[in-house]
Structure formats: structure tokens, C-alpha cells
Amino acid sequence: MIEINWSSVSHLGPLPINWYGITLALGFLVGGYLTWRWAPKFDVPRSKVENLVIWILVGTLVGARLYYLAQNDFGAYLAEPWRMLAVWEGGLAFFGGLFGGIAAAFLYTRREGLPFLRVADLFAPAIPIGAAIGRISCGLAGMDYGTPTRLPWGVVYTNPSSYAPIDGIARHPAQYYELLGDLVIAGVLIKLRGKLPDGALFLMYLILFSVLRFFVFFVRGNVEPVAFGLKNAQLTALAILTVALPLLVIVSMRNWRSAQMKEATELAQ
């Protein structure tokens, strides 16, 4: 059993320090730097990446907040609409942020005449790395806590400011399961760079992350099932898999056929 006594908000003199906000910003900075560094390998101008990261940041925050509001007591937020903007209280849903970031990237690449699929591949390995950084303080603060467990690595939250229940019960460190899964996914995607047709690397990210989330949410304790014994994120993961898997097959088959036709043409000459 591991005890976590961590305050989600510290103070530097009179100034409050929100660790979740800091690691969230750090994740974006690291992800943005990595994509900026990798951009030449994908024939994407670095200057465009700098602007695109800002678009994605805005799209991610808007999408993450809207997805969270849609899943929770939306009526309460309508009664106090100013609370919709109170992201410092918590309430950012990853899948919503992912959808918002994708939409922002699509709009920006269309506007700038950039190949969307290649840009998506550029960002694919950076997304799980940035997400893993954000999970560090998420786990320490008790956000997205797990279900009770008797496993030796179960965590018990003891700080009064924790988002997890202060009841002495050991819980799955679901946040760190996802953190480790994100790092594994990032490693796989980095290994696959340059070996897949345009768009396939990003589709691989969507598939691997959806599988990870589907299983991690079986031990997430802060959300309830909504249908068929599954939680919202699990249903979203299944929906993504339903789209991404066939698309990956189509992209791969088109690339294979193109290679076969090119080879046949060369042999004929």
C-alpha cells in the first residue's frame, strides 16, 4: 500500500500554485517542442508548427471542457453559467480535448494548405508524451482515482485537499496505469515513424489509446457506468475503434496497391 499526502494547491508566499495546471502546461510545452523538433522529418515548416500548437491548445481546452460539461450535471452549469469557464475547479475530459485538438488542427491545416494526415502523424507520438506528463499531478492530487484494490501498489489518499475519498481504502493508481500506457504507446509510435503511409501513424495512436482507455476505465472509480455496464469513455473508445480500425486497413491497402502498381510499372519498362 502506498500513501499519498499531496496538496493539489501549494503557495509561493501569497501566490497559489496549482500543480495540475502546471503539469498540464508543461505537457503542452514538451509536446509542442517535440513536434517543432520533428517537423523537418515530415516536411512541415517549423513556423507553421508554432502557430498550430496555439490552435491545438485552444481547441483542446474548449473540447475538453465541453465534453466534461456534457457528461455531468449540465443543468447546474446552466444555472451558474460562469462556472463553465472555471477549469481550475477541475473538469477537463481527455477525449473531448482530443476531438477539439483534431478539429483545430484540421481547420488550421486547411487554412495554411498543409497535408493534414502528415501533420497528424507528426503530432501522434507527442500527444501521449504530453498526456503522461499531465497524469503526474493528476495521480498525486487524487483526480480520476481508481476503484478499491488489495494489490500491494494500491494507493491511499490522506491529504484533506485530495480529490479522492479520504477513507483509508487502497485504490488502483488508475492515473499511473494510463501514464505508463501512454509512454509505451509513444515508444511504439516513435519506432513506427517513417514506416507507414500518411495518416496511419495517427490512426495507430487512436487505436492504441482507445484500447488503453477501454481497459483502464474498468478500474476508474470516479465515474459510473452509463450503458451496458460501460462508462462514457469506454463507449467513446469503442466508437473510435469502430472508425479508426477500418480506416487503418483502407489506408494500408491503398498504400500496398500503390506500391504493387509502381513495382509492376517498373518491371514493364
Protein backbone atom coordinates (compact mmCIF):
# COMPACT_ATOMS: atom_id res chain seq x y z
CA MET A 1 0.00 0.00 0.00
CA ILE A 2 1.30 3.46 -0.93
CA GLU A 3 0.20 6.55 0.98
CA ILE A 4 -0.12 9.83 -0.94
CA ASN A 5 -0.28 13.01 1.14
CA TRP A 6 -0.19 15.68 -1.55
CA SER A 7 -1.92 19.03 -1.66
CA SER A 8 -3.21 19.89 -5.12
CA VAL A 9 -2.60 23.58 -4.41
CA SER A 10 0.54 24.93 -2.78
CA HIS A 11 1.59 28.50 -2.11
CA LEU A 12 4.65 30.51 -3.02
CA GLY A 13 4.22 33.24 -0.47
CA PRO A 14 0.72 34.64 -1.10
CA LEU A 15 0.56 33.13 -4.60
CA PRO A 16 -1.35 29.85 -5.06
CA ILE A 17 0.31 27.19 -7.22
CA ASN A 18 -2.00 24.75 -8.99
CA TRP A 19 0.16 21.73 -9.77
CA TYR A 20 -2.34 20.22 -12.19
CA GLY A 21 -2.33 23.41 -14.23
CA ILE A 22 1.47 23.48 -14.20
CA THR A 23 1.89 19.89 -15.40
CA LEU A 24 -0.85 20.41 -18.00
CA ALA A 25 1.02 23.43 -19.36
CA LEU A 26 4.31 21.53 -19.17
CA GLY A 27 2.80 18.68 -21.16
CA PHE A 28 1.76 21.10 -23.91
CA LEU A 29 5.19 22.75 -23.92
CA VAL A 30 7.03 19.43 -24.17
CA GLY A 31 4.64 18.13 -26.84
CA GLY A 32 4.95 21.38 -28.78
CA TYR A 33 8.75 21.31 -28.58
CA LEU A 34 8.91 17.70 -29.77
CA THR A 35 6.70 18.39 -32.78
CA TRP A 36 8.74 21.51 -33.58
CA ARG A 37 11.91 19.42 -33.41
CA TRP A 38 10.49 16.58 -35.53
CA ALA A 39 8.81 18.83 -38.12
CA PRO A 40 11.61 18.74 -40.77
CA LYS A 41 11.38 14.92 -40.91
CA PHE A 42 7.75 15.33 -42.01
CA ASP A 43 8.44 18.23 -44.41
CA VAL A 44 6.35 20.56 -42.26
CA PRO A 45 7.68 24.12 -41.72
CA ARG A 46 8.59 24.77 -38.10
CA SER A 47 7.00 28.22 -38.23
CA LYS A 48 3.66 26.57 -39.05
CA VAL A 49 4.04 24.17 -36.13
CA GLU A 50 4.47 27.06 -33.70
CA ASN A 51 1.15 28.59 -34.78
CA LEU A 52 -0.58 25.23 -34.98
CA VAL A 53 0.30 24.38 -31.37
CA ILE A 54 -1.58 27.51 -30.24
CA TRP A 55 -4.63 26.50 -32.29
CA ILE A 56 -4.50 23.00 -30.83
CA LEU A 57 -4.15 24.36 -27.29
CA VAL A 58 -7.33 26.42 -27.67
CA GLY A 59 -9.21 23.59 -29.39
CA THR A 60 -8.12 21.10 -26.75
CA LEU A 61 -9.24 23.23 -23.82
CA VAL A 62 -12.60 24.05 -25.41
CA GLY A 63 -13.26 20.46 -26.44
CA ALA A 64 -12.16 19.02 -23.09
CA ARG A 65 -14.41 21.39 -21.17
CA LEU A 66 -17.46 20.90 -23.40
CA TYR A 67 -17.12 17.10 -23.27
CA TYR A 68 -16.89 17.24 -19.47
CA LEU A 69 -19.93 19.53 -19.18
CA ALA A 70 -21.94 17.26 -21.49
CA GLN A 71 -21.20 14.24 -19.27
CA ASN A 72 -22.02 15.92 -15.97
CA ASP A 73 -24.82 17.98 -14.45
CA PHE A 74 -25.19 20.39 -17.33
CA GLY A 75 -28.30 21.92 -15.78
CA ALA A 76 -26.28 23.07 -12.76
CA TYR A 77 -23.85 24.83 -15.07
CA LEU A 78 -26.71 26.49 -16.94
CA ALA A 79 -27.95 27.84 -13.60
CA GLU A 80 -24.48 29.26 -12.95
CA PRO A 81 -23.05 29.73 -16.46
CA TRP A 82 -19.88 31.47 -15.25
CA ARG A 83 -18.81 28.12 -13.76
CA MET A 84 -18.48 26.70 -17.27
CA LEU A 85 -15.20 28.61 -17.52
CA ALA A 86 -13.91 27.54 -14.09
CA VAL A 87 -11.46 24.94 -15.37
CA TRP A 88 -9.32 25.48 -12.26
CA GLU A 89 -12.00 23.60 -10.33
CA GLY A 90 -11.26 20.54 -12.47
CA GLY A 91 -13.39 19.14 -15.24
CA LEU A 92 -11.40 18.55 -18.43
CA ALA A 93 -12.19 15.33 -20.29
CA PHE A 94 -9.35 13.88 -22.39
CA PHE A 95 -11.41 12.55 -25.28
CA GLY A 96 -13.12 15.92 -25.62
CA GLY A 97 -9.74 17.60 -25.70
CA LEU A 98 -8.56 15.12 -28.33
CA PHE A 99 -11.56 15.83 -30.55
CA GLY A 100 -11.17 19.60 -30.07
CA GLY A 101 -7.47 19.44 -30.89
CA ILE A 102 -8.10 17.38 -34.03
CA ALA A 103 -10.77 19.85 -35.20
CA ALA A 104 -8.46 22.82 -34.59
CA ALA A 105 -5.58 21.10 -36.42
CA PHE A 106 -7.83 20.24 -39.37
CA LEU A 107 -9.03 23.84 -39.70
CA TYR A 108 -5.51 25.23 -39.45
CA THR A 109 -4.01 22.82 -41.99
CA ARG A 110 -6.84 23.56 -44.44
CA ARG A 111 -6.25 27.27 -43.99
CA GLU A 112 -2.48 27.01 -44.48
CA GLY A 113 -2.54 24.38 -47.24
CA LEU A 114 -0.70 21.76 -45.16
CA PRO A 115 -1.25 18.00 -45.56
CA PHE A 116 -3.48 17.15 -42.60
CA LEU A 117 -2.62 13.45 -42.45
CA ARG A 118 1.12 14.10 -42.41
CA VAL A 119 0.71 16.77 -39.72
CA ALA A 120 -1.41 14.36 -37.68
CA ASP A 121 1.39 11.78 -37.92
CA LEU A 122 3.87 14.42 -36.78
CA PHE A 123 1.87 15.05 -33.61
CA ALA A 124 0.97 11.41 -32.91
CA PRO A 125 3.93 10.42 -30.67
CA ALA A 126 3.93 13.80 -28.89
CA ILE A 127 0.31 13.51 -27.72
CA PRO A 128 0.83 10.55 -25.33
CA ILE A 129 4.08 12.06 -24.04
CA GLY A 130 2.32 15.32 -23.14
CA ALA A 131 -0.61 13.40 -21.66
CA ALA A 132 1.74 11.32 -19.50
CA ILE A 133 3.25 14.49 -18.02
CA GLY A 134 -0.21 15.78 -17.15
CA ARG A 135 -1.03 12.50 -15.38
CA ILE A 136 1.75 13.01 -12.82
CA SER A 137 -0.05 15.66 -10.74
CA CYS A 138 -3.42 14.12 -11.64
CA GLY A 139 -2.41 11.00 -9.71
CA LEU A 140 -0.82 12.89 -6.83
CA ALA A 141 -3.91 15.05 -6.33
CA GLY A 142 -6.32 12.11 -6.46
CA MET A 143 -8.07 13.18 -9.66
CA ASP A 144 -9.50 10.28 -11.65
CA TYR A 145 -8.85 7.91 -8.75
CA GLY A 146 -9.27 4.16 -9.06
CA THR A 147 -11.53 1.52 -7.58
CA PRO A 148 -10.63 -0.29 -4.32
CA THR A 149 -7.90 -2.93 -4.57
CA ARG A 150 -5.86 -5.26 -2.37
CA LEU A 151 -2.85 -5.16 -4.67
CA PRO A 152 0.39 -4.08 -2.96
CA TRP A 153 0.68 -0.96 -5.13
CA GLY A 154 -2.77 0.31 -4.16
CA VAL A 155 -2.74 3.99 -3.14
CA VAL A 156 -4.38 5.62 -0.12
CA TYR A 157 -5.01 9.36 -0.20
CA THR A 158 -4.65 11.17 3.11
CA ASN A 159 -4.46 14.88 2.29
CA PRO A 160 -7.72 16.78 3.07
CA SER A 161 -7.46 18.66 -0.24
CA SER A 162 -7.31 15.44 -2.27
CA TYR A 163 -9.92 14.88 -4.96
CA ALA A 164 -10.09 11.20 -3.95
CA PRO A 165 -12.12 9.97 -0.95
CA ILE A 166 -10.21 10.21 2.34
CA ASP A 167 -11.44 6.89 3.71
CA GLY A 168 -8.29 4.82 4.24
CA ILE A 169 -9.20 2.48 1.37
CA ALA A 170 -6.43 1.47 -1.04
CA ARG A 171 -7.31 2.14 -4.67
CA HIS A 172 -5.93 1.32 -8.07
CA PRO A 173 -3.50 4.03 -9.27
CA ALA A 174 -5.52 4.27 -12.48
CA GLN A 175 -3.85 7.55 -13.40
CA TYR A 176 -0.44 5.89 -13.44
CA TYR A 177 -1.68 2.87 -15.37
CA GLU A 178 -2.62 5.36 -18.06
CA LEU A 179 0.68 7.23 -17.69
CA LEU A 180 2.68 4.04 -18.27
CA GLY A 181 0.41 3.07 -21.16
CA ASP A 182 0.93 6.49 -22.76
CA LEU A 183 4.70 6.08 -22.59
CA VAL A 184 4.50 2.61 -24.15
CA ILE A 185 2.29 3.96 -26.95
CA ALA A 186 4.71 6.84 -27.56
CA GLY A 187 7.60 4.36 -27.81
CA VAL A 188 5.71 2.20 -30.32
CA LEU A 189 4.79 5.21 -32.47
CA ILE A 190 8.34 6.56 -32.49
CA LYS A 191 9.55 3.14 -33.65
CA LEU A 192 6.97 3.11 -36.46
CA ARG A 193 7.72 6.62 -37.77
CA GLY A 194 8.63 6.62 -41.45
CA LYS A 195 7.43 3.06 -41.96
CA LEU A 196 3.72 3.72 -42.51
CA PRO A 197 1.70 5.67 -45.12
CA ASP A 198 0.44 9.15 -44.30
CA GLY A 199 -2.26 9.09 -41.64
CA ALA A 200 -1.55 5.54 -40.45
CA LEU A 201 0.64 6.60 -37.52
CA PHE A 202 -2.09 8.85 -36.12
CA LEU A 203 -4.69 6.12 -36.64
CA MET A 204 -2.39 3.75 -34.73
CA TYR A 205 -2.33 6.26 -31.88
CA LEU A 206 -6.12 6.46 -31.83
CA ILE A 207 -6.41 2.66 -31.80
CA LEU A 208 -3.78 2.02 -29.12
CA PHE A 209 -5.00 4.80 -26.86
CA SER A 210 -8.63 3.74 -27.20
CA VAL A 211 -7.71 0.18 -26.20
CA LEU A 212 -5.73 1.53 -23.23
CA ARG A 213 -8.60 3.72 -22.05
CA PHE A 214 -11.18 0.99 -22.51
CA PHE A 215 -9.38 -1.29 -20.07
CA VAL A 216 -8.14 1.38 -17.63
CA PHE A 217 -11.69 2.61 -17.12
CA PHE A 218 -12.69 -0.71 -15.62
CA VAL A 219 -10.68 0.39 -12.57
CA ARG A 220 -11.60 4.09 -12.63
CA GLY A 221 -13.60 4.82 -9.50
CA ASN A 222 -14.80 8.37 -10.04
CA VAL A 223 -17.22 7.64 -12.91
CA GLU A 224 -20.27 5.40 -13.14
CA PRO A 225 -21.38 3.11 -16.00
CA VAL A 226 -23.92 4.63 -18.35
CA ALA A 227 -24.87 1.73 -20.66
CA PHE A 228 -24.14 -1.99 -20.96
CA GLY A 229 -22.03 -1.79 -17.81
CA LEU A 230 -19.60 0.55 -19.58
CA LYS A 231 -18.59 4.12 -18.83
CA ASN A 232 -18.72 7.11 -21.18
CA ALA A 233 -15.02 6.94 -22.03
CA GLN A 234 -15.27 3.24 -22.82
CA LEU A 235 -18.19 3.81 -25.19
CA THR A 236 -16.24 6.64 -26.81
CA ALA A 237 -13.21 4.35 -27.15
CA LEU A 238 -15.33 1.71 -28.89
CA ALA A 239 -16.74 4.35 -31.25
CA ILE A 240 -13.21 5.50 -32.14
CA LEU A 241 -12.09 1.90 -32.74
CA THR A 242 -15.10 1.32 -34.99
CA VAL A 243 -13.91 4.17 -37.21
CA ALA A 244 -10.11 4.03 -36.85
CA LEU A 245 -9.58 0.30 -37.44
CA PRO A 246 -11.31 0.19 -40.86
CA LEU A 247 -9.59 3.46 -41.85
CA LEU A 248 -6.20 1.97 -40.98
CA VAL A 249 -6.96 -1.08 -43.13
CA ILE A 250 -8.07 1.14 -46.03
CA VAL A 251 -5.00 3.40 -45.80
CA SER A 252 -2.68 0.38 -45.60
CA MET A 253 -4.36 -1.40 -48.53
CA ARG A 254 -4.19 1.71 -50.70
CA ASN A 255 -0.52 2.10 -49.93
CA TRP A 256 0.12 -1.58 -50.70
CA ARG A 257 -1.76 -1.39 -54.02
CA SER A 258 0.12 1.77 -54.95
CA ALA A 259 3.43 0.04 -54.24
CA GLN A 260 2.36 -3.01 -56.27
CA MET A 261 1.35 -0.86 -59.24
CA LYS A 262 4.62 1.07 -59.09
CA GLU A 263 6.59 -2.17 -59.00
CA ALA A 264 4.62 -3.61 -61.94
CA THR A 265 5.22 -0.43 -63.95
CA GLU A 266 8.95 -0.55 -63.28
CA LEU A 267 9.13 -4.22 -64.33
CA ALA A 268 7.23 -3.47 -67.52
CA GLN A 269 9.75 -0.82 -68.54
